[in-house]
């Protein structure tokens, strides 16, 4: 299986980044929130309604000024179609990601 990294961001636990099966408008809103928070722009890679998404997260203390333990570093990737091969891509920082 080959996954294409699509998002990397820091959020607090109020954003439900691990919602199991959002659909319709809920899914659209979810992808919009991810796009607002995303630190990195991966050229040519975007989420779609039919994608299988892998989400990895860990605790993040860098921006947790109040030591709540409620912030997470999240990396999201989508499963590429069977037979896909790794391809070159470019990544750049986004201008103004939404921070917790």
C-alpha atoms as a PDB file:
ATOM      1  CA  UNK A   1       0.000   0.000   0.000  1.00  0.00           C
ATOM      2  CA  UNK A   2       1.168   3.496  -0.813  1.00  0.00           C
ATOM      3  CA  UNK A   3      -0.138   6.535   1.015  1.00  0.00           C
ATOM      4  CA  UNK A   4       0.260  10.148  -0.055  1.00  0.00           C
ATOM      5  CA  UNK A   5       0.741  12.560   2.850  1.00  0.00           C
ATOM      6  CA  UNK A   6      -1.899  15.225   2.478  1.00  0.00           C
ATOM      7  CA  UNK A   7      -1.888  17.222   5.712  1.00  0.00           C
ATOM      8  CA  UNK A   8       0.270  18.028   8.728  1.00  0.00           C
ATOM      9  CA  UNK A   9      -1.060  20.311  11.443  1.00  0.00           C
ATOM     10  CA  UNK A  10      -1.340  21.047  15.148  1.00  0.00           C
ATOM     11  CA  UNK A  11      -4.777  21.177  16.723  1.00  0.00           C
ATOM     12  CA  UNK A  12      -6.430  20.899  20.074  1.00  0.00           C
ATOM     13  CA  UNK A  13      -8.714  18.047  21.034  1.00  0.00           C
ATOM     14  CA  UNK A  14     -11.831  20.145  20.351  1.00  0.00           C
ATOM     15  CA  UNK A  15     -11.347  19.457  16.627  1.00  0.00           C
ATOM     16  CA  UNK A  16     -12.499  15.869  16.026  1.00  0.00           C
ATOM     17  CA  UNK A  17      -9.724  14.899  13.608  1.00  0.00           C
ATOM     18  CA  UNK A  18     -10.426  11.201  14.205  1.00  0.00           C
ATOM     19  CA  UNK A  19     -14.128  11.248  13.285  1.00  0.00           C
ATOM     20  CA  UNK A  20     -14.657   7.668  12.063  1.00  0.00           C
ATOM     21  CA  UNK A  21     -17.085   8.085   9.147  1.00  0.00           C
ATOM     22  CA  UNK A  22     -18.095  11.656   8.355  1.00  0.00           C
ATOM     23  CA  UNK A  23     -20.302  11.950   5.259  1.00  0.00           C
ATOM     24  CA  UNK A  24     -21.870  14.674   3.154  1.00  0.00           C
ATOM     25  CA  UNK A  25     -21.668  18.166   4.602  1.00  0.00           C
ATOM     26  CA  UNK A  26     -19.909  16.893   7.729  1.00  0.00           C
ATOM     27  CA  UNK A  27     -17.111  15.453   5.540  1.00  0.00           C
ATOM     28  CA  UNK A  28     -16.880  18.645   3.494  1.00  0.00           C
ATOM     29  CA  UNK A  29     -16.586  20.715   6.684  1.00  0.00           C
ATOM     30  CA  UNK A  30     -13.981  18.291   8.019  1.00  0.00           C
ATOM     31  CA  UNK A  31     -11.774  18.652   4.916  1.00  0.00           C
ATOM     32  CA  UNK A  32     -12.202  22.446   5.030  1.00  0.00           C
ATOM     33  CA  UNK A  33     -11.008  22.518   8.654  1.00  0.00           C
ATOM     34  CA  UNK A  34      -8.023  20.317   7.805  1.00  0.00           C
ATOM     35  CA  UNK A  35      -7.135  22.657   4.925  1.00  0.00           C
ATOM     36  CA  UNK A  36      -7.263  25.701   7.246  1.00  0.00           C
ATOM     37  CA  UNK A  37      -4.983  24.035   9.798  1.00  0.00           C
ATOM     38  CA  UNK A  38      -2.555  22.429   7.336  1.00  0.00           C
ATOM     39  CA  UNK A  39       1.032  23.686   7.614  1.00  0.00           C
ATOM     40  CA  UNK A  40       2.174  22.126   4.372  1.00  0.00           C
ATOM     41  CA  UNK A  41       0.896  22.273   0.815  1.00  0.00           C
ATOM     42  CA  UNK A  42       1.568  19.068  -1.089  1.00  0.00           C
ATOM     43  CA  UNK A  43       1.296  19.911  -4.784  1.00  0.00           C
ATOM     44  CA  UNK A  44      -1.027  17.589  -6.650  1.00  0.00           C
ATOM     45  CA  UNK A  45      -2.396  15.839  -3.542  1.00  0.00           C
ATOM     46  CA  UNK A  46      -5.841  16.514  -2.085  1.00  0.00           C
ATOM     47  CA  UNK A  47      -8.533  14.629  -0.194  1.00  0.00           C
ATOM     48  CA  UNK A  48     -11.738  13.462  -1.861  1.00  0.00           C
ATOM     49  CA  UNK A  49     -14.976  11.954  -0.571  1.00  0.00           C
ATOM     50  CA  UNK A  50     -14.058   8.401  -1.589  1.00  0.00           C
ATOM     51  CA  UNK A  51     -10.538   8.416  -0.124  1.00  0.00           C
ATOM     52  CA  UNK A  52      -9.366   6.087   2.612  1.00  0.00           C
ATOM     53  CA  UNK A  53      -7.576   8.331   5.095  1.00  0.00           C
ATOM     54  CA  UNK A  54      -4.833   7.305   7.502  1.00  0.00           C
ATOM     55  CA  UNK A  55      -4.492   9.595  10.539  1.00  0.00           C
ATOM     56  CA  UNK A  56      -1.499   9.584  12.871  1.00  0.00           C
ATOM     57  CA  UNK A  57      -1.317  11.820  15.916  1.00  0.00           C
ATOM     58  CA  UNK A  58       0.783  12.404  18.979  1.00  0.00           C
ATOM     59  CA  UNK A  59       0.825  14.816  21.890  1.00  0.00           C
ATOM     60  CA  UNK A  60       2.347  18.202  21.136  1.00  0.00           C
ATOM     61  CA  UNK A  61       3.676  20.599  23.745  1.00  0.00           C
ATOM     62  CA  UNK A  62       5.339  23.254  21.574  1.00  0.00           C
ATOM     63  CA  UNK A  63       2.326  25.604  21.469  1.00  0.00           C
ATOM     64  CA  UNK A  64       0.666  24.417  24.697  1.00  0.00           C
ATOM     65  CA  UNK A  65       1.391  27.566  26.714  1.00  0.00           C
ATOM     66  CA  UNK A  66      -1.070  26.600  29.462  1.00  0.00           C
ATOM     67  CA  UNK A  67       0.205  22.992  29.785  1.00  0.00           C
ATOM     68  CA  UNK A  68      -3.247  21.513  29.185  1.00  0.00           C
ATOM     69  CA  UNK A  69      -1.982  18.459  27.300  1.00  0.00           C
ATOM     70  CA  UNK A  70      -4.844  19.042  24.835  1.00  0.00           C
ATOM     71  CA  UNK A  71      -2.805  19.691  21.689  1.00  0.00           C
ATOM     72  CA  UNK A  72      -1.919  17.153  19.018  1.00  0.00           C
ATOM     73  CA  UNK A  73       0.416  16.998  16.051  1.00  0.00           C
ATOM     74  CA  UNK A  74      -1.582  15.312  13.285  1.00  0.00           C
ATOM     75  CA  UNK A  75      -0.347  13.806  10.009  1.00  0.00           C
ATOM     76  CA  UNK A  76      -2.964  12.654   7.503  1.00  0.00           C
ATOM     77  CA  UNK A  77      -2.452  10.637   4.330  1.00  0.00           C
ATOM     78  CA  UNK A  78      -4.714   9.101   1.744  1.00  0.00           C
ATOM     79  CA  UNK A  79      -4.435   5.609   0.338  1.00  0.00           C
ATOM     80  CA  UNK A  80      -3.392   5.729  -3.303  1.00  0.00           C
ATOM     81  CA  UNK A  81      -5.024   3.386  -5.844  1.00  0.00           C
ATOM     82  CA  UNK A  82      -3.754  -0.171  -6.195  1.00  0.00           C
ATOM     83  CA  UNK A  83      -0.759  -0.275  -8.476  1.00  0.00           C
ATOM     84  CA  UNK A  84       0.220   3.312  -7.722  1.00  0.00           C
ATOM     85  CA  UNK A  85       3.914   4.039  -7.655  1.00  0.00           C
ATOM     86  CA  UNK A  86       5.657   6.685  -5.621  1.00  0.00           C
ATOM     87  CA  UNK A  87       6.094   9.886  -7.613  1.00  0.00           C
ATOM     88  CA  UNK A  88       7.990  13.102  -7.116  1.00  0.00           C
ATOM     89  CA  UNK A  89       6.062  15.925  -5.511  1.00  0.00           C
ATOM     90  CA  UNK A  90       6.824  19.300  -4.021  1.00  0.00           C
ATOM     91  CA  UNK A  91       5.960  20.598  -0.590  1.00  0.00           C
ATOM     92  CA  UNK A  92       5.926  24.145   0.710  1.00  0.00           C
ATOM     93  CA  UNK A  93       4.765  25.893   3.882  1.00  0.00           C
ATOM     94  CA  UNK A  94       1.315  27.437   3.788  1.00  0.00           C
ATOM     95  CA  UNK A  95       1.036  31.169   4.365  1.00  0.00           C
ATOM     96  CA  UNK A  96      -1.061  31.306   7.525  1.00  0.00           C
ATOM     97  CA  UNK A  97      -2.229  27.986   9.011  1.00  0.00           C
ATOM     98  CA  UNK A  98      -4.880  28.107  11.734  1.00  0.00           C
ATOM     99  CA  UNK A  99      -3.265  27.339  15.078  1.00  0.00           C
ATOM    100  CA  UNK A 100      -4.928  26.192  18.299  1.00  0.00           C
END
